[in-house]
Protein backbone atom coordinates (compact mmCIF):
# COMPACT_ATOMS: atom_id res chain seq x y z
CA MET A 1 -21.09 7.59 0.51
CA THR A 2 -18.24 10.57 0.75
CA SER A 3 -14.97 9.06 1.71
CA ILE A 4 -14.11 9.52 5.34
CA TRP A 5 -11.34 11.92 4.60
CA LEU A 6 -13.52 14.36 2.78
CA ARG A 7 -16.35 14.97 5.40
CA ALA A 8 -16.35 17.19 8.30
CA GLU A 9 -16.79 14.81 11.30
CA PRO A 10 -18.74 16.58 14.41
CA GLU A 11 -17.57 16.45 17.90
CA ARG A 12 -19.66 13.85 19.53
CA PRO A 13 -19.61 12.65 23.11
CA ARG A 14 -18.44 8.76 23.14
CA ARG A 15 -21.17 6.51 24.13
CA THR A 16 -18.52 3.79 25.16
CA PRO A 17 -15.75 6.02 26.69
CA GLN A 18 -13.07 3.26 26.31
CA LEU A 19 -13.44 2.80 22.50
CA THR A 20 -11.61 5.01 20.16
CA ARG A 21 -11.19 5.30 16.39
CA ASP A 22 -7.34 4.20 17.15
CA LEU A 23 -8.35 0.93 18.58
CA ILE A 24 -11.02 -0.04 15.73
CA VAL A 25 -8.21 0.91 13.16
CA ALA A 26 -5.91 -1.52 15.19
CA ALA A 27 -8.23 -4.03 15.43
CA ALA A 28 -9.29 -3.85 11.85
CA VAL A 29 -5.78 -3.83 10.75
CA GLU A 30 -5.42 -7.31 12.74
CA LEU A 31 -8.61 -8.72 11.49
CA LEU A 32 -7.76 -8.31 7.78
CA ASP A 33 -3.96 -9.27 8.38
CA SER A 34 -5.26 -12.82 9.57
CA ALA A 35 -8.22 -13.13 7.40
CA GLY A 36 -8.15 -10.84 4.62
CA ALA A 37 -10.64 -7.98 3.31
CA GLU A 38 -13.38 -10.24 2.32
CA ALA A 39 -13.46 -11.59 6.38
CA LEU A 40 -14.06 -7.89 7.52
CA THR A 41 -17.18 -7.17 8.81
CA MET A 42 -18.63 -4.70 11.37
CA ARG A 43 -20.03 -7.32 13.35
CA ARG A 44 -16.72 -9.57 13.32
CA LEU A 45 -14.82 -6.14 13.89
CA ALA A 46 -17.13 -5.00 17.14
CA GLU A 47 -16.75 -9.04 18.32
CA ARG A 48 -12.98 -8.58 18.40
CA LEU A 49 -13.28 -5.23 20.16
CA GLY A 50 -15.94 -6.70 22.66
CA VAL A 51 -18.15 -4.31 21.83
CA THR A 52 -21.60 -3.78 19.83
CA SER A 53 -21.80 -2.82 16.16
CA THR A 54 -23.98 0.04 17.23
CA ALA A 55 -20.69 1.64 19.37
CA LEU A 56 -18.49 1.45 16.02
CA TYR A 57 -20.85 3.27 14.26
CA TRP A 58 -20.57 5.96 16.54
CA HIS A 59 -16.67 6.41 15.22
CA VAL A 60 -17.19 5.40 11.71
CA ARG A 61 -20.03 5.26 9.54
CA THR A 62 -19.09 1.90 7.18
CA LYS A 63 -17.17 -0.73 6.37
CA ASP A 64 -15.54 1.43 3.55
CA ASP A 65 -14.64 3.97 6.35
CA VAL A 66 -12.61 1.16 8.37
CA LEU A 67 -10.83 0.09 5.06
CA ASP A 68 -9.85 3.45 4.15
CA LEU A 69 -8.57 4.51 7.62
CA ALA A 70 -6.85 0.63 7.84
CA VAL A 71 -4.75 1.57 4.24
CA ASP A 72 -3.71 4.83 5.77
CA GLU A 73 -2.61 3.10 9.02
CA VAL A 74 -0.26 1.04 6.70
CA PHE A 75 1.13 3.80 5.18
CA GLY A 76 1.68 5.09 8.36
CA GLU A 77 4.40 2.23 8.89
CA VAL A 78 6.13 3.67 6.28
CA PRO A 79 9.53 5.42 7.57
CA LEU A 80 9.68 9.25 7.02
CA PRO A 81 13.01 10.49 7.61
CA ALA A 82 14.41 14.07 7.41
CA PRO A 83 15.26 14.71 4.02
CA GLY A 84 19.15 13.99 3.09
CA ALA A 85 21.73 15.47 0.61
CA ASP A 86 20.92 12.53 -1.80
CA TRP A 87 17.53 12.64 -3.18
CA ARG A 88 17.40 9.53 -4.90
CA ALA A 89 18.34 7.70 -1.60
CA ASP A 90 15.34 9.38 -0.10
CA VAL A 91 13.18 7.81 -2.97
CA ARG A 92 14.80 4.67 -2.64
CA GLY A 93 14.23 4.52 1.15
CA LEU A 94 10.58 5.45 0.72
CA VAL A 95 9.54 3.28 -1.81
CA HIS A 96 11.16 0.41 -0.43
CA GLY A 97 9.60 0.97 2.97
CA TRP A 98 6.33 1.50 1.00
CA ARG A 99 6.48 -1.94 -0.97
CA ALA A 100 7.60 -3.84 2.34
CA ALA A 101 4.51 -2.34 4.53
CA MET A 102 2.03 -3.59 1.54
CA LEU A 103 4.06 -7.15 1.66
CA ALA A 104 3.60 -7.17 5.50
CA HIS A 105 -0.02 -6.63 4.98
CA PRO A 106 -1.05 -8.68 2.04
CA TRP A 107 -4.67 -7.30 1.68
CA THR A 108 -3.83 -3.62 0.97
CA PRO A 109 -2.93 -4.06 -2.73
CA ALA A 110 -6.35 -5.14 -3.72
CA LEU A 111 -7.79 -1.65 -1.68
CA ILE A 112 -5.23 0.65 -3.28
CA GLY A 113 -7.65 1.89 -5.67
CA ARG A 114 -9.52 3.03 -2.59
CA PRO A 115 -9.03 7.05 -2.41
CA LEU A 116 -5.37 7.46 -1.25
CA ILE A 117 -5.86 11.16 0.47
CA GLY A 118 -5.51 9.91 4.14
CA PRO A 119 -2.64 11.96 6.17
CA ASN A 120 -0.11 8.91 6.28
CA VAL A 121 -0.27 8.52 2.09
CA LEU A 122 -0.49 12.32 1.71
CA ALA A 123 2.48 12.89 4.01
CA ARG A 124 4.67 10.17 1.94
CA THR A 125 3.56 11.61 -1.08
CA GLU A 126 4.80 15.00 -0.24
CA PHE A 127 7.81 13.51 0.78
CA LEU A 128 8.51 11.69 -2.84
CA GLN A 129 7.69 14.81 -4.71
CA ALA A 130 10.02 16.96 -2.68
CA ALA A 131 12.79 14.60 -3.37
CA LEU A 132 12.09 14.53 -7.23
CA VAL A 133 11.76 18.20 -7.16
CA ARG A 134 15.46 18.23 -5.70
CA GLY A 135 16.29 16.02 -8.23
CA GLY A 136 15.03 18.72 -10.77
CA LEU A 137 11.43 17.70 -11.84
CA THR A 138 8.80 20.41 -12.07
CA GLY A 139 5.29 20.45 -13.93
CA GLU A 140 4.27 17.53 -15.97
CA ALA A 141 7.50 15.59 -15.73
CA LEU A 142 7.00 15.77 -11.76
CA ALA A 143 3.35 14.66 -12.26
CA VAL A 144 4.22 11.65 -14.37
CA THR A 145 7.24 10.45 -12.36
CA THR A 146 5.37 10.70 -9.19
CA HIS A 147 2.20 8.54 -10.83
CA LEU A 148 5.19 6.14 -12.40
CA ILE A 149 6.75 5.53 -8.94
CA ALA A 150 3.42 4.86 -7.18
CA ASP A 151 2.31 2.67 -9.82
CA PHE A 152 5.79 0.59 -9.96
CA VAL A 153 5.35 0.13 -6.14
CA ILE A 154 1.65 -0.93 -6.41
CA GLY A 155 2.24 -3.35 -9.19
CA SER A 156 5.12 -4.81 -7.71
CA ALA A 157 3.28 -5.57 -4.65
CA VAL A 158 0.11 -7.15 -6.56
CA THR A 159 2.28 -9.33 -8.82
CA ARG A 160 4.41 -10.60 -6.18
CA GLN A 161 1.06 -11.46 -4.18
CA ALA A 162 -0.17 -13.18 -7.24
CA ALA A 163 2.87 -14.94 -8.49
CA GLY A 164 3.41 -18.44 -7.33
CA ASP A 165 5.22 -22.00 -8.28
CA GLY A 166 1.96 -22.72 -10.38
CA ALA A 167 2.54 -19.74 -12.62
CA ARG A 168 6.05 -20.80 -13.47
CA ARG A 169 5.25 -24.66 -13.93
CA ARG A 170 2.32 -23.39 -16.46
CA ILE A 171 5.38 -21.26 -18.42
CA THR A 172 7.95 -24.41 -18.45
CA ALA A 173 4.98 -27.05 -19.10
CA ASP A 174 4.71 -25.39 -22.76
CA PRO A 175 8.28 -24.52 -23.53
CA ASP A 176 7.55 -24.49 -27.36
CA VAL A 177 4.80 -22.06 -26.80
CA TYR A 178 6.86 -19.91 -24.46
CA PRO A 179 10.44 -20.26 -25.20
CA HIS A 180 11.41 -16.52 -24.61
CA LEU A 181 9.64 -16.60 -20.99
CA VAL A 182 11.51 -20.09 -20.42
CA GLU A 183 14.87 -19.03 -21.44
CA SER A 184 14.60 -15.67 -19.77
CA GLY A 185 13.47 -17.17 -16.49
CA HIS A 186 10.10 -15.26 -16.32
CA LEU A 187 8.52 -15.64 -12.88
CA ASP A 188 11.26 -17.85 -11.59
CA GLU A 189 11.91 -16.58 -8.20
CA SER A 190 15.10 -18.67 -7.96
CA ARG A 191 16.64 -17.19 -10.76
CA TRP A 192 15.17 -13.32 -10.41
CA SER A 193 13.99 -12.46 -7.04
CA GLY A 194 11.15 -10.22 -6.75
CA ASP A 195 13.06 -7.91 -4.47
CA LEU A 196 15.94 -7.98 -7.12
CA LEU A 197 13.46 -6.91 -9.94
CA PHE A 198 11.85 -4.51 -8.08
CA SER A 199 15.57 -2.96 -6.98
CA GLY A 200 16.34 -3.12 -10.68
CA GLY A 201 13.29 -1.37 -11.82
CA LEU A 202 13.21 1.47 -9.59
CA GLU A 203 16.83 2.05 -10.33
CA ALA A 204 15.79 2.33 -13.99
CA ILE A 205 13.26 4.58 -13.22
CA LEU A 206 15.27 6.80 -11.32
CA GLY A 207 18.18 6.76 -13.85
CA THR A 208 15.53 8.66 -16.37
CA VAL A 209 15.40 11.86 -14.00
CA GLY A 210 18.18 14.63 -13.70
């Protein structure tokens, strides 16, 4: 099925006037936040909205449509300020907001593999590239750095969701097998917080630009 972002949607009269795509997306995000992506079905979404599943299909064709719309809705939470004098500050603000939005909605990292071509995603990617261009990047360097930053943010959110005390205990239980991981405090949040590691990694990336 073609992505919702690549289909021309015909204008049709609403069968349920009080139901809109915006209401569907808002309800989907609430359901995803409370129960996760596995729990999202068109039936449960319709029940949450107090309508029939048929009414949903008047606005979205599939569950995949709903997921694509929900991911883009989360990206819309990332602040998009006017460009400032310091392009690095613009990148920091955008990227920290992006990571915060994904951490606030724990189901999003697992869905990032879906086509990221919604209007909110593209607006923020445009903002990122505009800042990098002001930092002197063009051509292949611009493309590489854009993907590097995007992959770094997504990877950070994924590993932050997956990390836990169990992972650290697995390392410290075998110090002779993992001496460097024990010594460095790998996955030890009390020593190296995820926020600290993320900020340091971003600065390392930005330090290679310009």
